[in-house]
Amino acid sequence: MNDTTLLWLDIETTGLNPSHHALLEVAMRATRADLEPYAEYHAVLAYNGVTNDFIRGMHGPNGLLDECAGPDALPFSQAIRGMRDFVDGLPDGEIVPAGSSVRFDRDWLDHISPGILARCSHRSFDVSSMLIANRLWDGPDAPEKTTDHRAEHCLDDELNVARWLRDVIWAR
């Protein structure tokens, strides 16, 4: 039996630089090769700072900025502790970060809280790379993304793409 866990990650932020911007939302899901989630973590972080027009245009209509300013949003330290506890609670074995543009999410989380992904492999399972290969080599039409830039919805899309890749590209 393969004991690899795919740790699906997605974050939403106020910009691209973790030294200058804020983390707004994080979602994590753990799956095995069957791509069925067996554990999940989600947090909206407290934030009521300044955002630029681009971020307001992205996270205003989807409700994230309002949730970040609301009473249920978690303080940064509590969200970090929740992420650490989630990763630390995953079963023994290889843990491979997964998602779309995984390097961005990994780098961001490593910057704001070094060691949060310490149990994870240095490898990544990045569906965006596989979609690029599919496009470059005239593969079959991939599923359309439906995300509204909310972390849980992005993970829904990424798992949908991974299932499609498994079923279409690696069909047995």
N, C-alpha and C. Protein backbone atom coordinates (compact mmCIF):
# COMPACT_ATOMS: atom_id res chain seq x y z
N MET A 1 0.84 -1.19 0.00
CA MET A 1 0.00 0.00 0.00
C MET A 1 0.88 1.24 0.00
N ASN A 2 0.51 2.23 -0.80
CA ASN A 2 1.25 3.48 -0.89
C ASN A 2 0.84 4.38 0.28
N ASP A 3 1.81 4.79 1.07
CA ASP A 3 1.48 5.63 2.23
C ASP A 3 1.73 7.11 1.96
N THR A 4 1.80 7.49 0.68
CA THR A 4 1.98 8.90 0.34
C THR A 4 0.70 9.67 0.59
N THR A 5 0.82 10.79 1.28
CA THR A 5 -0.27 11.74 1.43
C THR A 5 0.00 12.91 0.52
N LEU A 6 -1.01 13.30 -0.27
CA LEU A 6 -0.95 14.54 -1.03
C LEU A 6 -1.58 15.61 -0.15
N LEU A 7 -0.80 16.63 0.17
CA LEU A 7 -1.28 17.75 0.99
C LEU A 7 -1.62 18.90 0.05
N TRP A 8 -2.90 19.00 -0.29
CA TRP A 8 -3.38 20.04 -1.20
C TRP A 8 -3.41 21.36 -0.47
N LEU A 9 -2.76 22.38 -1.05
CA LEU A 9 -2.63 23.69 -0.42
C LEU A 9 -3.17 24.77 -1.33
N ASP A 10 -3.81 25.75 -0.76
CA ASP A 10 -4.11 26.98 -1.49
C ASP A 10 -4.21 28.11 -0.49
N ILE A 11 -3.62 29.24 -0.88
CA ILE A 11 -3.69 30.44 -0.05
C ILE A 11 -4.20 31.60 -0.88
N GLU A 12 -4.81 32.54 -0.21
CA GLU A 12 -5.21 33.81 -0.81
C GLU A 12 -4.54 34.92 -0.01
N THR A 13 -4.02 35.92 -0.72
CA THR A 13 -3.21 36.95 -0.09
C THR A 13 -3.59 38.33 -0.61
N THR A 14 -2.96 39.36 -0.03
CA THR A 14 -3.16 40.72 -0.52
C THR A 14 -2.10 41.12 -1.54
N GLY A 15 -1.25 40.20 -1.93
CA GLY A 15 -0.20 40.48 -2.91
C GLY A 15 0.75 39.32 -3.02
N LEU A 16 1.82 39.51 -3.76
CA LEU A 16 2.74 38.42 -4.07
C LEU A 16 3.93 38.31 -3.13
N ASN A 17 4.17 39.31 -2.29
CA ASN A 17 5.37 39.35 -1.46
C ASN A 17 5.02 39.15 0.01
N PRO A 18 5.40 38.00 0.60
CA PRO A 18 5.04 37.75 1.99
C PRO A 18 5.71 38.69 2.99
N SER A 19 6.72 39.42 2.57
CA SER A 19 7.35 40.41 3.45
C SER A 19 6.53 41.69 3.54
N HIS A 20 5.65 41.92 2.55
CA HIS A 20 4.91 43.19 2.50
C HIS A 20 3.40 43.02 2.44
N HIS A 21 2.94 41.81 2.20
CA HIS A 21 1.51 41.59 2.04
C HIS A 21 1.00 40.61 3.10
N ALA A 22 -0.32 40.47 3.16
CA ALA A 22 -0.94 39.67 4.22
C ALA A 22 -1.57 38.40 3.66
N LEU A 23 -1.55 37.37 4.49
CA LEU A 23 -2.26 36.13 4.21
C LEU A 23 -3.71 36.33 4.64
N LEU A 24 -4.65 36.05 3.73
CA LEU A 24 -6.07 36.23 4.01
C LEU A 24 -6.80 34.92 4.30
N GLU A 25 -6.41 33.88 3.58
CA GLU A 25 -7.14 32.61 3.69
C GLU A 25 -6.21 31.46 3.34
N VAL A 26 -6.41 30.34 4.00
CA VAL A 26 -5.64 29.13 3.71
C VAL A 26 -6.58 27.94 3.75
N ALA A 27 -6.37 27.01 2.82
CA ALA A 27 -7.10 25.74 2.83
C ALA A 27 -6.09 24.63 2.60
N MET A 28 -6.27 23.54 3.31
CA MET A 28 -5.45 22.34 3.17
C MET A 28 -6.36 21.14 3.17
N ARG A 29 -6.07 20.19 2.28
CA ARG A 29 -6.78 18.92 2.25
C ARG A 29 -5.76 17.81 2.09
N ALA A 30 -5.99 16.74 2.78
CA ALA A 30 -5.12 15.57 2.66
C ALA A 30 -5.86 14.48 1.90
N THR A 31 -5.19 13.91 0.90
CA THR A 31 -5.72 12.78 0.15
C THR A 31 -4.63 11.74 0.00
N ARG A 32 -5.03 10.57 -0.39
CA ARG A 32 -4.11 9.53 -0.87
C ARG A 32 -4.20 9.54 -2.40
N ALA A 33 -3.72 8.51 -3.03
CA ALA A 33 -3.74 8.42 -4.49
C ALA A 33 -5.16 8.42 -5.06
N ASP A 34 -6.15 8.03 -4.24
CA ASP A 34 -7.54 8.02 -4.72
C ASP A 34 -8.13 9.42 -4.86
N LEU A 35 -7.42 10.44 -4.37
CA LEU A 35 -7.81 11.85 -4.46
C LEU A 35 -9.09 12.19 -3.71
N GLU A 36 -9.45 11.34 -2.75
CA GLU A 36 -10.60 11.62 -1.89
C GLU A 36 -10.10 12.19 -0.57
N PRO A 37 -10.53 13.41 -0.21
CA PRO A 37 -10.06 14.02 1.03
C PRO A 37 -10.41 13.19 2.26
N TYR A 38 -9.44 13.04 3.14
CA TYR A 38 -9.70 12.37 4.42
C TYR A 38 -9.47 13.30 5.60
N ALA A 39 -8.92 14.48 5.35
CA ALA A 39 -8.75 15.49 6.41
C ALA A 39 -8.69 16.85 5.75
N GLU A 40 -9.20 17.88 6.45
CA GLU A 40 -9.24 19.23 5.88
C GLU A 40 -8.97 20.27 6.95
N TYR A 41 -8.38 21.37 6.52
CA TYR A 41 -8.19 22.54 7.38
C TYR A 41 -8.51 23.77 6.54
N HIS A 42 -9.21 24.72 7.13
CA HIS A 42 -9.53 25.97 6.45
C HIS A 42 -9.56 27.09 7.47
N ALA A 43 -8.99 28.22 7.09
CA ALA A 43 -9.04 29.38 7.98
C ALA A 43 -9.10 30.66 7.15
N VAL A 44 -9.94 31.57 7.61
CA VAL A 44 -9.95 32.95 7.14
C VAL A 44 -9.27 33.75 8.23
N LEU A 45 -8.26 34.52 7.85
CA LEU A 45 -7.47 35.27 8.83
C LEU A 45 -7.99 36.69 8.98
N ALA A 46 -7.89 37.20 10.18
CA ALA A 46 -8.31 38.56 10.47
C ALA A 46 -7.42 39.55 9.71
N TYR A 47 -8.06 40.47 9.00
CA TYR A 47 -7.33 41.52 8.27
C TYR A 47 -8.30 42.64 7.94
N ASN A 48 -7.91 43.84 8.24
CA ASN A 48 -8.71 45.00 7.84
C ASN A 48 -7.81 46.13 7.38
N GLY A 49 -6.66 45.76 6.80
CA GLY A 49 -5.69 46.74 6.32
C GLY A 49 -6.03 47.25 4.93
N VAL A 50 -5.10 47.99 4.40
CA VAL A 50 -5.25 48.61 3.08
C VAL A 50 -5.01 47.57 2.00
N THR A 51 -5.81 47.59 0.95
CA THR A 51 -5.61 46.75 -0.23
C THR A 51 -5.67 47.63 -1.47
N ASN A 52 -5.02 47.17 -2.52
CA ASN A 52 -5.07 47.93 -3.77
C ASN A 52 -6.33 47.57 -4.57
N ASP A 53 -6.55 48.28 -5.67
CA ASP A 53 -7.75 48.07 -6.48
C ASP A 53 -7.85 46.64 -7.01
N PHE A 54 -6.71 46.07 -7.39
CA PHE A 54 -6.72 44.70 -7.93
C PHE A 54 -7.23 43.71 -6.89
N ILE A 55 -6.70 43.81 -5.67
CA ILE A 55 -7.10 42.88 -4.60
C ILE A 55 -8.56 43.14 -4.20
N ARG A 56 -8.97 44.41 -4.12
CA ARG A 56 -10.37 44.70 -3.81
C ARG A 56 -11.29 44.14 -4.90
N GLY A 57 -10.84 44.20 -6.16
CA GLY A 57 -11.63 43.66 -7.27
C GLY A 57 -11.72 42.14 -7.24
N MET A 58 -10.70 41.48 -6.68
CA MET A 58 -10.68 40.02 -6.61
C MET A 58 -11.39 39.52 -5.36
N HIS A 59 -11.07 40.10 -4.21
CA HIS A 59 -11.55 39.55 -2.94
C HIS A 59 -12.70 40.34 -2.32
N GLY A 60 -13.13 41.41 -2.99
CA GLY A 60 -14.33 42.10 -2.55
C GLY A 60 -15.57 41.34 -2.98
N PRO A 61 -15.74 41.11 -4.30
CA PRO A 61 -16.93 40.41 -4.78
C PRO A 61 -17.08 38.98 -4.25
N ASN A 62 -15.98 38.30 -3.95
CA ASN A 62 -16.10 36.92 -3.46
C ASN A 62 -16.34 36.85 -1.95
N GLY A 63 -16.37 38.01 -1.29
CA GLY A 63 -16.70 38.08 0.13
C GLY A 63 -15.54 37.86 1.09
N LEU A 64 -14.35 37.59 0.57
CA LEU A 64 -13.24 37.28 1.46
C LEU A 64 -12.84 38.47 2.32
N LEU A 65 -12.75 39.66 1.75
CA LEU A 65 -12.35 40.82 2.56
C LEU A 65 -13.35 41.08 3.68
N ASP A 66 -14.64 40.91 3.41
CA ASP A 66 -15.64 41.08 4.47
C ASP A 66 -15.46 40.03 5.55
N GLU A 67 -15.19 38.78 5.16
CA GLU A 67 -14.97 37.73 6.16
C GLU A 67 -13.73 38.01 6.99
N CYS A 68 -12.68 38.54 6.34
CA CYS A 68 -11.44 38.85 7.06
C CYS A 68 -11.65 39.94 8.12
N ALA A 69 -12.61 40.80 7.89
CA ALA A 69 -12.91 41.88 8.84
C ALA A 69 -14.00 41.47 9.83
N GLY A 70 -14.53 40.27 9.67
CA GLY A 70 -15.63 39.82 10.51
C GLY A 70 -15.20 39.16 11.80
N PRO A 71 -16.15 38.87 12.66
CA PRO A 71 -15.86 38.34 13.99
C PRO A 71 -15.34 36.90 14.00
N ASP A 72 -15.56 36.15 12.93
CA ASP A 72 -15.11 34.75 12.90
C ASP A 72 -13.71 34.57 12.34
N ALA A 73 -13.11 35.64 11.83
CA ALA A 73 -11.76 35.55 11.28
C ALA A 73 -10.76 35.27 12.40
N LEU A 74 -9.79 34.40 12.10
CA LEU A 74 -8.81 33.99 13.10
C LEU A 74 -7.62 34.94 13.17
N PRO A 75 -7.11 35.18 14.36
CA PRO A 75 -5.84 35.90 14.46
C PRO A 75 -4.74 35.09 13.77
N PHE A 76 -3.73 35.77 13.25
CA PHE A 76 -2.63 35.14 12.53
C PHE A 76 -2.04 33.98 13.32
N SER A 77 -1.72 34.19 14.59
CA SER A 77 -1.06 33.15 15.38
C SER A 77 -1.94 31.91 15.52
N GLN A 78 -3.23 32.09 15.65
CA GLN A 78 -4.13 30.95 15.78
C GLN A 78 -4.21 30.16 14.47
N ALA A 79 -4.23 30.87 13.35
CA ALA A 79 -4.26 30.19 12.05
C ALA A 79 -2.97 29.41 11.81
N ILE A 80 -1.84 30.00 12.16
CA ILE A 80 -0.56 29.32 12.01
C ILE A 80 -0.53 28.06 12.87
N ARG A 81 -0.98 28.17 14.11
CA ARG A 81 -1.02 27.02 15.00
C ARG A 81 -1.94 25.93 14.42
N GLY A 82 -3.06 26.33 13.85
CA GLY A 82 -3.98 25.37 13.24
C GLY A 82 -3.36 24.64 12.06
N MET A 83 -2.60 25.40 11.22
CA MET A 83 -1.93 24.76 10.09
C MET A 83 -0.87 23.78 10.56
N ARG A 84 -0.07 24.19 11.55
CA ARG A 84 0.97 23.30 12.09
C ARG A 84 0.35 22.04 12.67
N ASP A 85 -0.71 22.20 13.45
CA ASP A 85 -1.37 21.05 14.05
C ASP A 85 -1.93 20.12 12.97
N PHE A 86 -2.48 20.70 11.92
CA PHE A 86 -3.04 19.89 10.84
C PHE A 86 -1.95 19.05 10.19
N VAL A 87 -0.85 19.70 9.79
CA VAL A 87 0.25 18.98 9.12
C VAL A 87 0.86 17.95 10.07
N ASP A 88 1.08 18.35 11.32
CA ASP A 88 1.67 17.42 12.29
C ASP A 88 0.76 16.23 12.57
N GLY A 89 -0.55 16.39 12.39
CA GLY A 89 -1.50 15.32 12.65
C GLY A 89 -1.69 14.35 11.49
N LEU A 90 -1.04 14.61 10.36
CA LEU A 90 -1.17 13.69 9.23
C LEU A 90 -0.42 12.40 9.53
N PRO A 91 -0.85 11.30 8.94
CA PRO A 91 -0.21 10.01 9.21
C PRO A 91 1.26 9.99 8.81
N ASP A 92 1.98 9.06 9.40
CA ASP A 92 3.38 8.86 9.02
C ASP A 92 3.45 8.48 7.55
N GLY A 93 4.58 8.76 6.94
CA GLY A 93 4.78 8.46 5.53
C GLY A 93 5.12 9.74 4.79
N GLU A 94 5.30 9.60 3.49
CA GLU A 94 5.65 10.74 2.65
C GLU A 94 4.46 11.70 2.54
N ILE A 95 4.72 13.00 2.70
CA ILE A 95 3.71 14.04 2.52
C ILE A 95 4.20 14.93 1.38
N VAL A 96 3.45 14.97 0.30
CA VAL A 96 3.84 15.74 -0.88
C VAL A 96 2.86 16.90 -1.05
N PRO A 97 3.35 18.15 -0.94
CA PRO A 97 2.48 19.29 -1.21
C PRO A 97 1.93 19.24 -2.63
N ALA A 98 0.65 19.56 -2.77
CA ALA A 98 -0.04 19.46 -4.05
C ALA A 98 -0.91 20.68 -4.28
N GLY A 99 -1.24 20.90 -5.54
CA GLY A 99 -2.13 21.99 -5.88
C GLY A 99 -1.75 22.60 -7.21
N SER A 100 -2.02 23.88 -7.34
CA SER A 100 -1.68 24.64 -8.53
C SER A 100 -0.74 25.76 -8.11
N SER A 101 0.37 25.87 -8.79
CA SER A 101 1.41 26.85 -8.41
C SER A 101 1.85 26.60 -6.96
N VAL A 102 2.15 25.36 -6.67
CA VAL A 102 2.50 24.92 -5.32
C VAL A 102 3.70 25.68 -4.78
N ARG A 103 4.67 26.00 -5.62
CA ARG A 103 5.88 26.69 -5.16
C ARG A 103 5.52 28.02 -4.48
N PHE A 104 4.58 28.76 -5.04
CA PHE A 104 4.17 30.04 -4.44
C PHE A 104 3.63 29.82 -3.03
N ASP A 105 2.70 28.87 -2.89
CA ASP A 105 2.08 28.62 -1.59
C ASP A 105 3.11 28.13 -0.57
N ARG A 106 3.98 27.22 -1.01
CA ARG A 106 5.03 26.70 -0.11
C ARG A 106 5.96 27.81 0.34
N ASP A 107 6.44 28.60 -0.63
CA ASP A 107 7.37 29.69 -0.29
C ASP A 107 6.72 30.68 0.67
N TRP A 108 5.48 31.01 0.43
CA TRP A 108 4.77 31.96 1.28
C TRP A 108 4.67 31.42 2.71
N LEU A 109 4.18 30.19 2.85
CA LEU A 109 4.02 29.60 4.17
C LEU A 109 5.37 29.43 4.87
N ASP A 110 6.40 29.03 4.14
CA ASP A 110 7.74 28.90 4.74
C ASP A 110 8.27 30.25 5.20
N HIS A 111 7.94 31.31 4.48
CA HIS A 111 8.40 32.65 4.85
C HIS A 111 7.71 33.15 6.13
N ILE A 112 6.40 32.97 6.20
CA ILE A 112 5.68 33.53 7.36
C ILE A 112 5.79 32.65 8.59
N SER A 113 6.09 31.37 8.41
CA SER A 113 6.20 30.46 9.55
C SER A 113 7.14 29.31 9.19
N PRO A 114 8.45 29.56 9.27
CA PRO A 114 9.40 28.52 8.89
C PRO A 114 9.11 27.21 9.63
N GLY A 115 9.16 26.14 8.91
CA GLY A 115 8.95 24.83 9.50
C GLY A 115 7.53 24.32 9.45
N ILE A 116 6.60 25.16 9.01
CA ILE A 116 5.20 24.73 8.99
C ILE A 116 5.00 23.50 8.10
N LEU A 117 5.82 23.41 7.07
CA LEU A 117 5.75 22.27 6.16
C LEU A 117 6.97 21.36 6.29
N ALA A 118 7.58 21.36 7.47
CA ALA A 118 8.82 20.62 7.68
C ALA A 118 8.67 19.12 7.43
N ARG A 119 7.49 18.57 7.65
CA ARG A 119 7.28 17.12 7.43
C ARG A 119 7.11 16.78 5.96
N CYS A 120 7.01 17.80 5.12
CA CYS A 120 6.71 17.57 3.71
C CYS A 120 7.96 17.28 2.89
N SER A 121 7.74 16.50 1.86
CA SER A 121 8.78 16.20 0.88
C SER A 121 9.23 17.49 0.19
N HIS A 122 10.43 17.45 -0.35
CA HIS A 122 10.90 18.57 -1.16
C HIS A 122 10.23 18.55 -2.54
N ARG A 123 9.60 17.46 -2.88
CA ARG A 123 8.90 17.34 -4.15
C ARG A 123 7.51 17.97 -4.05
N SER A 124 6.92 18.26 -5.21
CA SER A 124 5.56 18.81 -5.26
C SER A 124 4.77 18.11 -6.36
N PHE A 125 3.48 18.06 -6.16
CA PHE A 125 2.54 17.55 -7.17
C PHE A 125 1.77 18.77 -7.66
N ASP A 126 2.21 19.33 -8.80
CA ASP A 126 1.67 20.60 -9.29
C ASP A 126 0.84 20.37 -10.54
N VAL A 127 -0.48 20.48 -10.40
CA VAL A 127 -1.36 20.24 -11.55
C VAL A 127 -1.21 21.31 -12.62
N SER A 128 -0.79 22.51 -12.26
CA SER A 128 -0.62 23.55 -13.27
C SER A 128 0.51 23.18 -14.24
N SER A 129 1.55 22.54 -13.74
CA SER A 129 2.64 22.09 -14.63
C SER A 129 2.14 21.02 -15.59
N MET A 130 1.31 20.11 -15.08
CA MET A 130 0.77 19.06 -15.95
C MET A 130 -0.18 19.64 -17.00
N LEU A 131 -0.92 20.68 -16.63
CA LEU A 131 -1.81 21.32 -17.61
C LEU A 131 -1.01 22.04 -18.69
N ILE A 132 0.12 22.62 -18.32
CA ILE A 132 0.99 23.25 -19.32
C ILE A 132 1.50 22.20 -20.30
N ALA A 133 1.96 21.06 -19.78
CA ALA A 133 2.42 19.98 -20.65
C ALA A 133 1.29 19.51 -21.56
N ASN A 134 0.11 19.36 -21.02
CA ASN A 134 -1.04 18.93 -21.81
C ASN A 134 -1.32 19.91 -22.94
N ARG A 135 -1.25 21.20 -22.65
CA ARG A 135 -1.50 22.23 -23.67
C ARG A 135 -0.39 22.24 -24.72
N LEU A 136 0.87 22.18 -24.27
CA LEU A 136 2.00 22.23 -25.20
C LEU A 136 2.01 21.06 -26.17
N TRP A 137 1.56 19.89 -25.71
CA TRP A 137 1.62 18.70 -26.53
C TRP A 137 0.25 18.28 -27.05
N ASP A 138 -0.63 19.29 -27.18
CA ASP A 138 -1.95 19.10 -27.79
C ASP A 138 -2.73 17.94 -27.20
N GLY A 139 -2.77 17.89 -25.87
CA GLY A 139 -3.55 16.88 -25.18
C GLY A 139 -5.04 17.18 -25.27
N PRO A 140 -5.84 16.34 -24.69
CA PRO A 140 -7.29 16.55 -24.71
C PRO A 140 -7.69 17.80 -23.92
N ASP A 141 -8.87 18.32 -24.20
CA ASP A 141 -9.36 19.51 -23.50
C ASP A 141 -9.47 19.23 -22.01
N ALA A 142 -8.84 20.08 -21.23
CA ALA A 142 -8.85 19.96 -19.77
C ALA A 142 -10.11 20.61 -19.20
N PRO A 143 -10.48 20.25 -17.98
CA PRO A 143 -11.63 20.89 -17.34
C PRO A 143 -11.40 22.39 -17.17
N GLU A 144 -12.46 23.14 -17.28
CA GLU A 144 -12.40 24.60 -17.07
C GLU A 144 -12.28 24.89 -15.58
N LYS A 145 -11.52 25.93 -15.26
CA LYS A 145 -11.45 26.37 -13.86
C LYS A 145 -12.71 27.15 -13.53
N THR A 146 -13.22 26.94 -12.35
CA THR A 146 -14.44 27.62 -11.93
C THR A 146 -14.22 28.52 -10.72
N THR A 147 -13.00 28.63 -10.29
CA THR A 147 -12.72 29.29 -9.02
C THR A 147 -13.09 30.77 -9.00
N ASP A 148 -13.44 31.22 -7.83
CA ASP A 148 -13.70 32.63 -7.57
C ASP A 148 -12.61 33.21 -6.66
N HIS A 149 -11.44 32.58 -6.65
CA HIS A 149 -10.31 32.99 -5.81
C HIS A 149 -10.62 32.86 -4.33
N ARG A 150 -11.32 31.81 -3.97
CA ARG A 150 -11.47 31.39 -2.59
C ARG A 150 -10.71 30.09 -2.45
N ALA A 151 -9.98 29.95 -1.36
CA ALA A 151 -9.05 28.83 -1.20
C ALA A 151 -9.72 27.47 -1.34
N GLU A 152 -10.86 27.27 -0.71
CA GLU A 152 -11.52 25.96 -0.80
C GLU A 152 -12.02 25.68 -2.22
N HIS A 153 -12.49 26.71 -2.91
CA HIS A 153 -12.96 26.52 -4.28
C HIS A 153 -11.78 26.23 -5.21
N CYS A 154 -10.63 26.86 -4.95
CA CYS A 154 -9.44 26.54 -5.74
C CYS A 154 -9.05 25.08 -5.56
N LEU A 155 -9.11 24.59 -4.33
CA LEU A 155 -8.79 23.18 -4.10
C LEU A 155 -9.78 22.27 -4.80
N ASP A 156 -11.06 22.65 -4.84
CA ASP A 156 -12.05 21.88 -5.59
C ASP A 156 -11.61 21.75 -7.05
N ASP A 157 -11.21 22.89 -7.66
CA ASP A 157 -10.75 22.90 -9.04
C ASP A 157 -9.51 22.02 -9.23
N GLU A 158 -8.56 22.17 -8.32
CA GLU A 158 -7.29 21.45 -8.46
C GLU A 158 -7.51 19.94 -8.33
N LEU A 159 -8.35 19.53 -7.41
CA LEU A 159 -8.66 18.10 -7.29
C LEU A 159 -9.44 17.61 -8.51
N ASN A 160 -10.30 18.43 -9.05
CA ASN A 160 -11.03 18.07 -10.27
C ASN A 160 -10.05 17.85 -11.42
N VAL A 161 -9.07 18.73 -11.56
CA VAL A 161 -8.06 18.58 -12.61
C VAL A 161 -7.23 17.32 -12.37
N ALA A 162 -6.84 17.07 -11.13
CA ALA A 162 -6.05 15.88 -10.83
C ALA A 162 -6.83 14.61 -11.16
N ARG A 163 -8.11 14.59 -10.84
CA ARG A 163 -8.94 13.42 -11.17
C ARG A 163 -9.03 13.24 -12.68
N TRP A 164 -9.19 14.37 -13.40
CA TRP A 164 -9.23 14.31 -14.86
C TRP A 164 -7.91 13.77 -15.41
N LEU A 165 -6.80 14.29 -14.91
CA LEU A 165 -5.49 13.80 -15.36
C LEU A 165 -5.36 12.30 -15.13
N ARG A 166 -5.75 11.87 -13.94
CA ARG A 166 -5.69 10.43 -13.61
C ARG A 166 -6.55 9.61 -14.57
N ASP A 167 -7.78 10.06 -14.79
CA ASP A 167 -8.74 9.29 -15.55
C ASP A 167 -8.52 9.35 -17.06
N VAL A 168 -8.01 10.47 -17.56
CA VAL A 168 -7.84 10.65 -19.00
C VAL A 168 -6.41 10.35 -19.46
N ILE A 169 -5.46 10.93 -18.78
CA ILE A 169 -4.07 10.77 -19.20
C ILE A 169 -3.52 9.42 -18.74
N TRP A 170 -3.83 9.01 -17.51
CA TRP A 170 -3.29 7.78 -16.97
C TRP A 170 -4.33 6.67 -16.87
N ALA A 171 -5.30 6.69 -17.78
CA ALA A 171 -6.34 5.66 -17.78
C ALA A 171 -5.70 4.29 -18.02
N ARG A 172 -6.19 3.32 -17.31
CA ARG A 172 -5.64 1.96 -17.44
C ARG A 172 -6.62 1.07 -18.13
